[in-house]
Amino acid sequence: MERLVSTQERPIWQEPRAAALLLAASLTTMANATISPALPGIERLFADDPNAALLTRLLVPAPSLSVALFAPLAGLAADRIGRRMMLLAGVMLFVVAGCAGFVLPDLPSIFASRLVLGIAVALIMTAQTALIGDYYTGDDRKALTGLQISARNFGGLVFIFLAGWAATLSPRLPFAIYGLAALFLPLMWLAIVEPPRIGTAAGSAPANDRDGHPSWRNLLAVLVLLQGVTNMIFFLMPTQIAFFLEARGYESAVMTGTVLGLLMISGGGSALLYRRAQRTIGSAGIFAAGYGAMALGFLILSRSASVPSLLAAALFIGAGYALVSPSFVALALNLAPRRSRGLAGGVLTASIFIGQFCSPLASTPLIAIHGYGELFRDTACLLAVMALAAMITRSMKVFRANR
């Protein structure tokens, strides 16, 4: 029988399991964007490498490639061998692989360590998503999917500000920040327990394991595609903003930390409103509002590089992205039957990082040809179309409900 956690007596984030899962969620942003402020310095440090420009830009999304490859396998493993040990092993590997860049001698070896870091992230995120589905249901699950986005953003805020400061001292120093994840292990070890194992045979599954949408695989595929595109767009910020600011004459390490920090603050605040917004305007309304805010942010970014416009763009982009992100997890957990939540979480996790990895590969050549302004303007147009499609979908649902 599915174990549910009651949160009537205290806020959900004060429940030890929820707190442990939120700490795990905070590592997602830390994995990729922490070294963003150090990228120009790393490129200069390894200027003798003929591939320094490309490899430096791939250091941020490199973990995404490993996650994309390993997350579905991690999802299958989570459904068969359990979630707890996968989560703990992932955090341990995260610390070792993340800190490795502090001492490794060259860019290719640092790039390899980032790929290993992605394996750790695949284990953490897959186990964490499945555990949210196992421990919580209904409003509690919706609340936690919003809170995990806030945890990613506020955790990212702390890590990126630390990295911005550390990058002014040494381009290698931000890698040491990954060691902070070791502080999370004691709570995770004590609070996370393995949910009851579920048989994979249809006849052996309990009644509440045979829930989920009859076409959940097809609907999950749509969510996977949409989330991949969303993350490819959003990841223009951590992968390109440092170089955009440097081209505009700003001190990139400090300004990048400020812009990305504000991105995290606005996202964290926006995600806290997710459950209330979901009740008021539904999932389609959330997608319309979120994509509309991101479109406005990229439009502002395309038209000006003044400090106020940069900060305003970060506010809108961060808020919009954080508003739509919880819906992917909430919808996927509602669609998939319990015995397949690990797989659903793994595939959904893979889509996030496929989008992140593809982002610089797609955007860097376009920037070289058309420049930053045109790229951001075209991105704003695409997001506006996505917002309009979501608005039409919501209007059709309201019309049908009132007939």
Protein backbone atom coordinates (compact mmCIF):
# COMPACT_ATOMS: atom_id res chain seq x y z
CA MET A 1 0.00 0.00 0.00
CA GLU A 2 1.35 3.41 -0.94
CA ARG A 3 2.72 5.28 2.03
CA LEU A 4 1.41 8.83 2.29
CA VAL A 5 2.85 11.59 4.44
CA SER A 6 0.47 13.87 6.25
CA THR A 7 1.43 17.52 6.34
CA GLN A 8 -1.62 18.87 8.17
CA GLU A 9 0.32 19.57 11.37
CA ARG A 10 3.30 21.37 9.83
CA PRO A 11 4.48 22.71 6.46
CA ILE A 12 5.63 20.00 4.10
CA TRP A 13 9.19 21.32 3.87
CA GLN A 14 9.64 20.72 7.62
CA GLU A 15 9.02 16.98 7.20
CA PRO A 16 12.48 15.27 7.29
CA ARG A 17 11.97 13.23 4.12
CA ALA A 18 10.77 16.29 2.23
CA ALA A 19 13.76 18.30 3.46
CA ALA A 20 16.15 15.56 2.32
CA LEU A 21 14.51 15.39 -1.11
CA LEU A 22 14.66 19.18 -1.46
CA LEU A 23 18.37 19.15 -0.64
CA ALA A 24 18.83 16.53 -3.36
CA ALA A 25 16.88 18.74 -5.78
CA SER A 26 19.16 21.70 -5.06
CA LEU A 27 22.11 19.78 -6.53
CA THR A 28 20.59 19.94 -10.03
CA THR A 29 21.41 23.60 -10.62
CA MET A 30 24.69 23.23 -8.75
CA ALA A 31 25.78 20.47 -11.15
CA ASN A 32 25.80 22.61 -14.26
CA ALA A 33 25.70 26.32 -13.61
CA THR A 34 28.07 26.61 -10.64
CA ILE A 35 31.13 27.03 -12.86
CA SER A 36 29.44 29.47 -15.28
CA PRO A 37 31.09 32.60 -13.81
CA ALA A 38 34.53 30.95 -14.22
CA LEU A 39 34.19 30.02 -17.90
CA PRO A 40 36.13 32.97 -19.41
CA GLY A 41 38.89 32.43 -16.82
CA ILE A 42 39.05 28.70 -17.55
CA GLU A 43 39.31 29.44 -21.26
CA ARG A 44 42.23 31.77 -20.64
CA LEU A 45 43.87 29.29 -18.24
CA PHE A 46 43.94 26.62 -20.96
CA ALA A 47 44.48 28.97 -23.91
CA ASP A 48 47.17 26.67 -25.32
CA ASP A 49 44.57 23.97 -25.98
CA PRO A 50 43.42 24.33 -29.63
CA ASN A 51 39.90 23.26 -28.61
CA ALA A 52 39.72 25.51 -25.56
CA ALA A 53 36.83 27.66 -26.83
CA LEU A 54 34.53 24.71 -27.54
CA LEU A 55 35.53 22.57 -24.55
CA THR A 56 35.12 25.48 -22.14
CA ARG A 57 31.58 26.10 -23.35
CA LEU A 58 30.79 22.39 -23.07
CA LEU A 59 31.90 22.17 -19.44
CA VAL A 60 28.57 23.56 -18.23
CA PRO A 61 26.27 21.23 -20.23
CA ALA A 62 28.68 18.23 -20.23
CA PRO A 63 26.89 16.53 -17.30
CA SER A 64 23.71 16.79 -19.34
CA LEU A 65 25.05 14.33 -21.91
CA SER A 66 25.69 11.68 -19.26
CA VAL A 67 22.30 12.30 -17.66
CA ALA A 68 20.60 11.94 -21.03
CA LEU A 69 22.31 8.58 -21.57
CA PHE A 70 22.08 7.15 -18.06
CA ALA A 71 18.86 8.55 -16.57
CA PRO A 72 16.52 6.08 -18.35
CA LEU A 73 18.77 3.20 -17.20
CA ALA A 74 18.79 4.66 -13.70
CA GLY A 75 15.00 4.80 -13.85
CA LEU A 76 14.77 1.11 -14.71
CA ALA A 77 17.22 0.31 -11.91
CA ALA A 78 15.24 2.41 -9.43
CA ASP A 79 12.09 0.41 -10.22
CA ARG A 80 13.94 -2.87 -9.71
CA ILE A 81 16.60 -2.42 -7.04
CA GLY A 82 15.26 0.54 -5.04
CA ARG A 83 15.64 4.29 -4.67
CA ARG A 84 17.45 4.92 -1.35
CA MET A 85 20.89 3.50 -2.11
CA MET A 86 20.76 5.01 -5.59
CA LEU A 87 20.21 8.45 -4.09
CA LEU A 88 23.01 8.10 -1.53
CA ALA A 89 25.49 6.67 -4.04
CA GLY A 90 24.67 9.47 -6.45
CA VAL A 91 25.45 12.16 -3.86
CA MET A 92 28.77 10.53 -2.95
CA LEU A 93 29.80 10.34 -6.61
CA PHE A 94 28.62 13.94 -7.08
CA VAL A 95 31.09 15.19 -4.47
CA VAL A 96 34.07 13.30 -5.93
CA ALA A 97 33.43 14.08 -9.60
CA GLY A 98 32.42 17.70 -8.96
CA CYS A 99 35.55 18.56 -6.99
CA ALA A 100 37.85 16.80 -9.47
CA GLY A 101 38.11 19.88 -11.70
CA PHE A 102 39.95 21.67 -8.91
CA VAL A 103 43.04 19.46 -9.37
CA LEU A 104 42.85 17.90 -12.85
CA PRO A 105 45.64 19.11 -15.16
CA ASP A 106 43.92 19.80 -18.49
CA LEU A 107 40.61 20.55 -20.18
CA PRO A 108 39.98 17.05 -21.63
CA SER A 109 40.30 15.44 -18.17
CA ILE A 110 38.10 18.12 -16.61
CA PHE A 111 35.55 17.50 -19.35
CA ALA A 112 35.67 13.77 -18.54
CA SER A 113 35.06 14.49 -14.85
CA ARG A 114 32.01 16.52 -15.83
CA LEU A 115 30.66 13.50 -17.71
CA VAL A 116 31.06 11.41 -14.54
CA LEU A 117 29.29 14.17 -12.62
CA GLY A 118 26.36 13.68 -14.98
CA ILE A 119 26.09 10.01 -13.99
CA ALA A 120 25.81 11.13 -10.37
CA VAL A 121 23.09 13.63 -11.28
CA ALA A 122 21.16 10.93 -13.17
CA LEU A 123 21.15 8.73 -10.07
CA ILE A 124 20.13 11.59 -7.77
CA MET A 125 17.36 13.09 -9.87
CA THR A 126 15.81 9.80 -10.90
CA ALA A 127 15.67 8.49 -7.34
CA GLN A 128 14.45 11.81 -6.00
CA THR A 129 11.59 12.12 -8.50
CA ALA A 130 10.45 8.54 -7.87
CA LEU A 131 10.56 9.07 -4.10
CA ILE A 132 8.34 12.15 -4.37
CA GLY A 133 5.78 9.97 -6.15
CA ASP A 134 6.17 7.19 -3.56
CA TYR A 135 5.95 9.33 -0.44
CA TYR A 136 3.36 11.93 -1.40
CA THR A 137 0.06 12.31 -3.22
CA GLY A 138 -2.50 14.99 -4.10
CA ASP A 139 -1.81 18.52 -2.88
CA ASP A 140 1.28 17.39 -0.98
CA ARG A 141 2.82 16.08 -4.19
CA LYS A 142 1.97 19.30 -6.06
CA ALA A 143 3.44 21.37 -3.24
CA LEU A 144 6.66 19.38 -3.25
CA THR A 145 7.08 19.56 -7.04
CA GLY A 146 6.90 23.35 -6.72
CA LEU A 147 9.20 23.41 -3.71
CA GLN A 148 11.82 21.31 -5.48
CA ILE A 149 12.07 23.96 -8.21
CA SER A 150 12.45 26.59 -5.48
CA ALA A 151 15.16 24.45 -3.88
CA ARG A 152 16.98 24.25 -7.21
CA ASN A 153 16.78 28.01 -7.65
CA PHE A 154 17.62 29.13 -4.13
CA GLY A 155 20.34 26.49 -3.90
CA GLY A 156 21.61 27.66 -7.27
CA LEU A 157 21.56 31.23 -5.99
CA VAL A 158 23.87 30.37 -3.10
CA PHE A 159 26.18 28.23 -5.23
CA ILE A 160 26.41 30.71 -8.12
CA PHE A 161 27.08 33.67 -5.86
CA LEU A 162 29.81 31.65 -4.16
CA ALA A 163 31.16 30.69 -7.57
CA GLY A 164 31.11 34.30 -8.79
CA TRP A 165 33.18 35.31 -5.79
CA ALA A 166 35.47 32.27 -6.07
CA ALA A 167 36.06 32.86 -9.80
CA THR A 168 37.54 36.28 -9.04
CA LEU A 169 40.22 34.50 -6.98
CA SER A 170 40.88 31.54 -9.26
CA PRO A 171 39.01 29.95 -12.19
CA ARG A 172 39.53 26.55 -10.52
CA LEU A 173 38.11 27.48 -7.13
CA PRO A 174 34.40 27.12 -8.07
CA PHE A 175 34.96 23.36 -8.50
CA ALA A 176 35.57 23.08 -4.75
CA ILE A 177 32.00 24.23 -4.10
CA TYR A 178 30.73 20.78 -5.12
CA GLY A 179 32.14 19.47 -1.84
CA LEU A 180 29.28 21.19 0.00
CA ALA A 181 27.01 18.34 -1.11
CA ALA A 182 28.74 16.09 1.43
CA LEU A 183 26.97 18.07 4.17
CA PHE A 184 23.61 16.77 2.89
CA LEU A 185 24.45 13.10 3.31
CA PRO A 186 23.71 12.65 7.05
CA LEU A 187 20.10 13.87 6.75
CA MET A 188 19.54 11.81 3.61
CA TRP A 189 20.94 8.70 5.28
CA LEU A 190 18.64 9.08 8.30
CA ALA A 191 15.46 10.39 6.68
CA ILE A 192 15.16 8.43 3.43
CA VAL A 193 13.78 4.92 3.77
CA GLU A 194 13.13 2.49 0.95
CA PRO A 195 9.46 2.39 -0.11
CA PRO A 196 7.82 -1.07 -0.31
CA ARG A 197 8.91 -2.96 -3.42
CA ILE A 198 6.33 -3.26 -6.19
CA GLY A 199 6.12 -6.32 -8.40
CA THR A 200 6.39 -5.75 -12.13
CA ALA A 201 3.92 -8.40 -13.14
CA ALA A 202 0.44 -7.04 -13.73
CA GLY A 203 -1.19 -9.72 -11.67
CA SER A 204 0.98 -9.04 -8.66
CA ALA A 205 0.49 -5.29 -8.54
CA PRO A 206 -1.93 -3.91 -5.96
CA ALA A 207 -4.92 -1.91 -7.07
CA ASN A 208 -3.33 1.47 -6.53
CA ASP A 209 -0.36 0.36 -8.66
CA ARG A 210 -2.57 -0.14 -11.69
CA ASP A 211 -3.55 3.53 -11.76
CA GLY A 212 -2.27 6.07 -14.23
CA HIS A 213 -3.54 7.09 -17.64
CA PRO A 214 -4.16 4.30 -20.18
CA SER A 215 -2.04 6.19 -22.75
CA TRP A 216 0.57 7.38 -20.26
CA ARG A 217 3.53 6.42 -22.48
CA ASN A 218 2.36 8.58 -25.41
CA LEU A 219 1.47 11.49 -23.16
CA LEU A 220 4.80 11.18 -21.36
CA ALA A 221 6.57 11.36 -24.73
CA VAL A 222 4.87 14.72 -25.39
CA LEU A 223 5.96 16.00 -21.98
CA VAL A 224 9.51 14.80 -22.63
CA LEU A 225 9.70 16.68 -25.95
CA LEU A 226 8.25 19.88 -24.53
CA GLN A 227 10.51 19.82 -21.48
CA GLY A 228 13.57 19.24 -23.67
CA VAL A 229 12.77 22.28 -25.81
CA THR A 230 12.04 24.38 -22.71
CA ASN A 231 15.39 23.55 -21.14
CA MET A 232 17.29 24.09 -24.38
CA ILE A 233 15.87 27.61 -24.46
CA PHE A 234 16.42 28.37 -20.79
CA PHE A 235 20.00 27.12 -20.86
CA LEU A 236 20.96 29.98 -23.17
CA MET A 237 21.39 31.91 -19.92
CA PRO A 238 24.06 29.86 -18.07
CA THR A 239 25.93 28.83 -21.23
CA GLN A 240 26.00 32.13 -23.15
CA ILE A 241 25.36 34.99 -20.73
CA ALA A 242 29.00 35.23 -19.55
CA PHE A 243 30.22 35.66 -23.13
CA PHE A 244 27.34 38.02 -23.98
CA LEU A 245 28.29 40.24 -21.03
CA GLU A 246 31.99 40.11 -21.83
CA ALA A 247 31.22 41.19 -25.42
CA ARG A 248 29.26 44.13 -24.00
CA GLY A 249 32.22 45.23 -21.87
CA TYR A 250 31.07 44.05 -18.44
CA GLU A 251 33.31 42.39 -15.85
CA SER A 252 31.86 39.01 -16.71
CA ALA A 253 32.53 36.96 -13.56
CA VAL A 254 30.83 39.41 -11.20
CA MET A 255 28.03 40.42 -13.58
CA THR A 256 27.33 36.84 -14.61
CA GLY A 257 27.01 35.84 -10.97
CA THR A 258 24.60 38.75 -10.43
CA VAL A 259 22.40 37.98 -13.45
CA LEU A 260 22.27 34.24 -12.78
CA GLY A 261 21.70 34.88 -9.09
CA LEU A 262 18.71 37.07 -9.89
CA LEU A 263 17.52 34.38 -12.30
CA MET A 264 17.53 31.95 -9.35
CA ILE A 265 15.82 34.37 -6.95
CA SER A 266 12.93 35.08 -9.31
CA GLY A 267 12.62 31.41 -10.15
CA GLY A 268 12.59 30.36 -6.51
CA GLY A 269 9.88 32.86 -5.68
CA SER A 270 7.79 31.95 -8.71
CA ALA A 271 7.92 28.22 -7.96
CA LEU A 272 6.58 28.83 -4.45
CA LEU A 273 3.36 30.03 -6.10
CA TYR A 274 2.98 26.92 -8.23
CA ARG A 275 0.35 25.06 -6.18
CA ARG A 276 -1.84 28.17 -5.85
CA ALA A 277 -1.48 28.99 -9.55
CA GLN A 278 -2.25 25.41 -10.54
CA ARG A 279 -5.48 25.50 -8.58
CA THR A 280 -6.48 28.85 -10.13
CA ILE A 281 -5.58 28.58 -13.82
CA GLY A 282 -4.67 24.91 -14.33
CA SER A 283 -1.69 23.42 -16.13
CA ALA A 284 -2.44 25.02 -19.51
CA GLY A 285 -2.75 28.45 -17.89
CA ILE A 286 0.57 27.93 -16.11
CA PHE A 287 2.28 27.08 -19.40
CA ALA A 288 0.78 30.17 -21.04
CA ALA A 289 1.91 32.48 -18.24
CA GLY A 290 5.34 30.89 -17.90
CA TYR A 291 6.22 30.88 -21.58
CA GLY A 292 4.84 34.42 -21.92
CA ALA A 293 7.14 35.65 -19.15
CA MET A 294 10.15 33.93 -20.73
CA ALA A 295 9.29 35.46 -24.11
CA LEU A 296 9.20 38.93 -22.58
CA GLY A 297 12.54 38.34 -20.87
CA PHE A 298 14.34 37.28 -24.04
CA LEU A 299 12.76 40.16 -25.96
CA ILE A 300 14.15 42.63 -23.41
CA LEU A 301 17.53 40.93 -23.60
CA SER A 302 17.58 41.27 -27.40
CA ARG A 303 16.92 45.02 -27.36
CA SER A 304 19.31 46.34 -24.72
CA ALA A 305 22.37 45.46 -22.67
CA SER A 306 21.96 48.08 -19.93
CA VAL A 307 22.12 46.87 -16.35
CA PRO A 308 18.40 47.51 -15.60
CA SER A 309 17.32 45.64 -18.74
CA LEU A 310 19.62 42.72 -17.94
CA LEU A 311 18.15 42.43 -14.47
CA ALA A 312 14.58 42.72 -15.76
CA ALA A 313 15.22 40.04 -18.38
CA ALA A 314 16.63 37.70 -15.72
CA LEU A 315 13.56 38.27 -13.54
CA PHE A 316 11.10 37.37 -16.30
CA ILE A 317 13.07 34.40 -17.67
CA GLY A 318 13.70 32.91 -14.23
CA ALA A 319 10.11 33.36 -13.08
CA GLY A 320 8.62 31.91 -16.27
CA TYR A 321 10.88 28.88 -16.35
CA ALA A 322 10.30 28.08 -12.68
CA LEU A 323 6.54 28.38 -13.14
CA VAL A 324 6.32 25.80 -15.94
CA SER A 325 8.93 23.35 -14.62
CA PRO A 326 6.91 21.77 -11.76
CA SER A 327 4.09 20.91 -14.15
CA PHE A 328 6.28 18.45 -16.05
CA VAL A 329 7.02 16.43 -12.90
CA ALA A 330 3.48 16.67 -11.51
CA LEU A 331 1.87 15.61 -14.79
CA ALA A 332 4.34 12.75 -15.31
CA LEU A 333 3.80 11.34 -11.81
CA ASN A 334 0.04 11.52 -12.28
CA LEU A 335 0.21 9.82 -15.69
CA ALA A 336 2.52 6.91 -14.84
CA PRO A 337 1.52 3.91 -12.72
CA ARG A 338 3.46 3.48 -9.51
CA ARG A 339 5.55 0.56 -10.71
CA SER A 340 6.86 2.73 -13.58
CA ARG A 341 7.57 5.98 -11.72
CA GLY A 342 11.29 5.33 -11.76
CA LEU A 343 11.25 4.94 -15.54
CA ALA A 344 9.05 8.02 -15.96
CA GLY A 345 11.36 10.02 -13.69
CA GLY A 346 14.43 8.79 -15.57
CA VAL A 347 13.07 9.66 -19.01
CA LEU A 348 11.85 13.04 -17.79
CA THR A 349 15.24 13.74 -16.23
CA ALA A 350 16.95 12.77 -19.48
CA SER A 351 14.83 15.26 -21.41
CA ILE A 352 15.97 18.10 -19.16
CA PHE A 353 19.61 17.42 -19.81
CA ILE A 354 19.29 16.59 -23.49
CA GLY A 355 17.89 20.08 -23.91
CA GLN A 356 20.69 21.57 -21.82
CA PHE A 357 23.41 19.75 -23.73
CA CYS A 358 21.96 20.70 -27.12
CA SER A 359 21.62 24.36 -26.14
CA PRO A 360 25.23 25.53 -26.76
CA LEU A 361 25.62 23.21 -29.74
CA ALA A 362 22.65 24.89 -31.42
CA SER A 363 23.17 28.45 -30.20
CA THR A 364 26.94 28.96 -30.63
CA PRO A 365 26.92 28.66 -34.47
CA LEU A 366 23.83 30.88 -34.66
CA ILE A 367 25.51 33.52 -32.53
CA ALA A 368 28.60 33.40 -34.76
CA ILE A 369 26.44 34.04 -37.83
CA HIS A 370 23.65 36.32 -36.58
CA GLY A 371 24.80 37.67 -33.21
CA TYR A 372 23.22 37.59 -29.77
CA GLY A 373 20.44 40.07 -30.50
CA GLU A 374 18.84 38.10 -33.31
CA LEU A 375 19.13 34.82 -31.41
CA PHE A 376 17.37 36.25 -28.35
CA ARG A 377 14.70 37.90 -30.52
CA ASP A 378 13.92 34.67 -32.41
CA THR A 379 13.83 32.80 -29.09
CA ALA A 380 11.28 35.31 -27.79
CA CYS A 381 9.11 34.71 -30.88
CA LEU A 382 9.22 30.93 -30.39
CA LEU A 383 8.25 31.27 -26.73
CA ALA A 384 5.40 33.61 -27.65
CA VAL A 385 4.02 30.98 -30.03
CA MET A 386 4.27 28.34 -27.27
CA ALA A 387 2.44 30.65 -24.85
CA LEU A 388 -0.29 31.29 -27.42
CA ALA A 389 -0.75 27.56 -28.02
CA ALA A 390 -1.12 26.97 -24.27
CA MET A 391 -3.61 29.84 -24.01
CA ILE A 392 -5.71 28.40 -26.83
CA THR A 393 -5.64 24.99 -25.15
CA ARG A 394 -6.86 26.47 -21.88
CA SER A 395 -9.60 28.45 -23.65
CA MET A 396 -10.83 25.29 -25.36
CA LYS A 397 -10.95 23.46 -22.02
CA VAL A 398 -12.93 26.28 -20.42
CA PHE A 399 -15.33 26.37 -23.38
CA ARG A 400 -15.95 22.61 -23.19
CA ALA A 401 -16.47 22.74 -19.45
CA ASN A 402 -19.11 25.49 -19.81
CA ARG A 403 -21.07 23.85 -22.61
